[in-house]
């Protein structure tokens, strides 16, 4: 997903058109929009932009149980939208940050 090219606000109409004509760019943008198109994942990303937060705190704030939160985090992690640090002995996410 790191190949995703975002249209800069300063891009000319010609530059934007050229980027949109590239099927890889369209597919990557579509994929990213589908990932953040879920209201829970969008809220999770908003919270992570504000501060690093523990997984437990994140679940409490968003109002999701551990299983549902884990699924949303996995989909976001697969797209490199956040990073997590692990508890060394347990191998589970401890804190998340963008």
C-alpha atoms as a PDB file:
ATOM      1  CA  UNK A   1       0.000   0.000   0.000  1.00  0.00           C
ATOM      2  CA  UNK A   2       2.991   2.288   0.300  1.00  0.00           C
ATOM      3  CA  UNK A   3       2.751   2.812  -3.473  1.00  0.00           C
ATOM      4  CA  UNK A   4      -0.460   4.770  -3.021  1.00  0.00           C
ATOM      5  CA  UNK A   5      -0.160   8.207  -4.532  1.00  0.00           C
ATOM      6  CA  UNK A   6      -2.401  10.796  -2.915  1.00  0.00           C
ATOM      7  CA  UNK A   7      -3.536  13.740  -4.962  1.00  0.00           C
ATOM      8  CA  UNK A   8      -1.862  16.797  -3.481  1.00  0.00           C
ATOM      9  CA  UNK A   9      -4.044  19.862  -3.004  1.00  0.00           C
ATOM     10  CA  UNK A  10      -1.595  21.734  -5.223  1.00  0.00           C
ATOM     11  CA  UNK A  11      -1.799  19.259  -8.122  1.00  0.00           C
ATOM     12  CA  UNK A  12      -2.966  20.776 -11.365  1.00  0.00           C
ATOM     13  CA  UNK A  13      -6.034  19.357 -13.046  1.00  0.00           C
ATOM     14  CA  UNK A  14      -3.766  17.840 -15.686  1.00  0.00           C
ATOM     15  CA  UNK A  15      -1.558  16.162 -13.037  1.00  0.00           C
ATOM     16  CA  UNK A  16      -4.605  14.845 -11.175  1.00  0.00           C
ATOM     17  CA  UNK A  17      -6.097  13.504 -14.409  1.00  0.00           C
ATOM     18  CA  UNK A  18      -2.849  11.751 -15.281  1.00  0.00           C
ATOM     19  CA  UNK A  19      -2.733  10.088 -11.835  1.00  0.00           C
ATOM     20  CA  UNK A  20      -6.376   9.001 -12.039  1.00  0.00           C
ATOM     21  CA  UNK A  21      -5.732   7.510 -15.483  1.00  0.00           C
ATOM     22  CA  UNK A  22      -3.245   5.106 -13.856  1.00  0.00           C
ATOM     23  CA  UNK A  23      -5.197   1.959 -12.973  1.00  0.00           C
ATOM     24  CA  UNK A  24      -2.779   1.089 -10.134  1.00  0.00           C
ATOM     25  CA  UNK A  25      -3.421   4.467  -8.517  1.00  0.00           C
ATOM     26  CA  UNK A  26      -7.195   4.056  -8.880  1.00  0.00           C
ATOM     27  CA  UNK A  27      -7.086   0.544  -7.409  1.00  0.00           C
ATOM     28  CA  UNK A  28      -4.856   1.592  -4.509  1.00  0.00           C
ATOM     29  CA  UNK A  29      -7.040   4.610  -3.736  1.00  0.00           C
ATOM     30  CA  UNK A  30     -10.197   2.494  -3.912  1.00  0.00           C
ATOM     31  CA  UNK A  31      -8.664  -0.118  -1.614  1.00  0.00           C
ATOM     32  CA  UNK A  32      -7.609   2.522   0.916  1.00  0.00           C
ATOM     33  CA  UNK A  33     -11.017   4.201   0.859  1.00  0.00           C
ATOM     34  CA  UNK A  34     -12.708   0.848   1.484  1.00  0.00           C
ATOM     35  CA  UNK A  35     -10.429   0.287   4.473  1.00  0.00           C
ATOM     36  CA  UNK A  36     -11.126   3.645   6.115  1.00  0.00           C
ATOM     37  CA  UNK A  37     -14.746   3.683   4.928  1.00  0.00           C
ATOM     38  CA  UNK A  38     -15.891   1.816   8.026  1.00  0.00           C
ATOM     39  CA  UNK A  39     -17.027   4.212  10.771  1.00  0.00           C
ATOM     40  CA  UNK A  40     -15.248   2.263  13.539  1.00  0.00           C
ATOM     41  CA  UNK A  41     -11.939   2.154  11.654  1.00  0.00           C
ATOM     42  CA  UNK A  42     -12.234   5.835  10.835  1.00  0.00           C
ATOM     43  CA  UNK A  43     -12.751   6.656  14.528  1.00  0.00           C
ATOM     44  CA  UNK A  44      -9.843   4.387  15.507  1.00  0.00           C
ATOM     45  CA  UNK A  45      -7.540   6.184  13.059  1.00  0.00           C
ATOM     46  CA  UNK A  46      -8.723   9.583  14.309  1.00  0.00           C
ATOM     47  CA  UNK A  47      -7.917   8.591  17.891  1.00  0.00           C
ATOM     48  CA  UNK A  48      -4.499   7.241  16.887  1.00  0.00           C
ATOM     49  CA  UNK A  49      -3.697  10.485  15.090  1.00  0.00           C
ATOM     50  CA  UNK A  50      -4.328  12.343  18.346  1.00  0.00           C
ATOM     51  CA  UNK A  51      -2.140  10.161  20.570  1.00  0.00           C
ATOM     52  CA  UNK A  52      -0.593   6.757  21.148  1.00  0.00           C
ATOM     53  CA  UNK A  53      -3.126   4.631  22.976  1.00  0.00           C
ATOM     54  CA  UNK A  54      -3.289   1.156  24.464  1.00  0.00           C
ATOM     55  CA  UNK A  55      -5.467  -1.434  22.767  1.00  0.00           C
ATOM     56  CA  UNK A  56      -7.614  -1.737  25.886  1.00  0.00           C
ATOM     57  CA  UNK A  57      -8.138   2.010  26.088  1.00  0.00           C
ATOM     58  CA  UNK A  58      -8.881   2.142  22.377  1.00  0.00           C
ATOM     59  CA  UNK A  59     -11.547  -0.569  22.669  1.00  0.00           C
ATOM     60  CA  UNK A  60     -13.171   1.197  25.612  1.00  0.00           C
ATOM     61  CA  UNK A  61     -13.191   4.570  23.837  1.00  0.00           C
ATOM     62  CA  UNK A  62     -14.542   3.188  20.566  1.00  0.00           C
ATOM     63  CA  UNK A  63     -17.023   0.898  22.319  1.00  0.00           C
ATOM     64  CA  UNK A  64     -15.929  -2.379  20.753  1.00  0.00           C
ATOM     65  CA  UNK A  65     -15.235  -5.702  22.412  1.00  0.00           C
ATOM     66  CA  UNK A  66     -11.753  -7.168  22.049  1.00  0.00           C
ATOM     67  CA  UNK A  67     -12.697  -9.493  19.196  1.00  0.00           C
ATOM     68  CA  UNK A  68     -14.322  -6.784  17.064  1.00  0.00           C
ATOM     69  CA  UNK A  69     -11.523  -4.302  17.796  1.00  0.00           C
ATOM     70  CA  UNK A  70      -8.921  -6.902  16.866  1.00  0.00           C
ATOM     71  CA  UNK A  71     -10.582  -7.460  13.496  1.00  0.00           C
ATOM     72  CA  UNK A  72     -10.692  -3.725  12.753  1.00  0.00           C
ATOM     73  CA  UNK A  73      -7.070  -3.279  13.823  1.00  0.00           C
ATOM     74  CA  UNK A  74      -5.990  -6.213  11.641  1.00  0.00           C
ATOM     75  CA  UNK A  75      -7.604  -4.694   8.546  1.00  0.00           C
ATOM     76  CA  UNK A  76      -5.975  -1.327   9.263  1.00  0.00           C
ATOM     77  CA  UNK A  77      -2.608  -2.919  10.060  1.00  0.00           C
ATOM     78  CA  UNK A  78      -2.653  -4.862   6.790  1.00  0.00           C
ATOM     79  CA  UNK A  79      -2.769  -1.504   4.993  1.00  0.00           C
ATOM     80  CA  UNK A  80       0.080  -0.060   7.111  1.00  0.00           C
ATOM     81  CA  UNK A  81      -2.241   2.525   8.662  1.00  0.00           C
ATOM     82  CA  UNK A  82      -0.816   2.194  12.163  1.00  0.00           C
ATOM     83  CA  UNK A  83       2.015   0.625  14.121  1.00  0.00           C
ATOM     84  CA  UNK A  84       1.868  -1.309  17.343  1.00  0.00           C
ATOM     85  CA  UNK A  85       4.370  -2.147  20.001  1.00  0.00           C
ATOM     86  CA  UNK A  86       4.156  -5.565  21.563  1.00  0.00           C
ATOM     87  CA  UNK A  87       4.346  -6.862  25.109  1.00  0.00           C
ATOM     88  CA  UNK A  88       7.573  -8.847  24.846  1.00  0.00           C
ATOM     89  CA  UNK A  89       6.375 -11.927  26.692  1.00  0.00           C
ATOM     90  CA  UNK A  90       2.822 -12.162  25.392  1.00  0.00           C
ATOM     91  CA  UNK A  91       3.199 -11.117  21.761  1.00  0.00           C
ATOM     92  CA  UNK A  92       0.009  -9.054  21.792  1.00  0.00           C
ATOM     93  CA  UNK A  93      -0.405  -5.413  20.772  1.00  0.00           C
ATOM     94  CA  UNK A  94       0.161  -3.093  23.685  1.00  0.00           C
ATOM     95  CA  UNK A  95       0.045   0.370  22.164  1.00  0.00           C
ATOM     96  CA  UNK A  96      -0.960   1.669  18.782  1.00  0.00           C
ATOM     97  CA  UNK A  97       0.203   4.772  16.984  1.00  0.00           C
ATOM     98  CA  UNK A  98       0.178   6.213  13.505  1.00  0.00           C
END
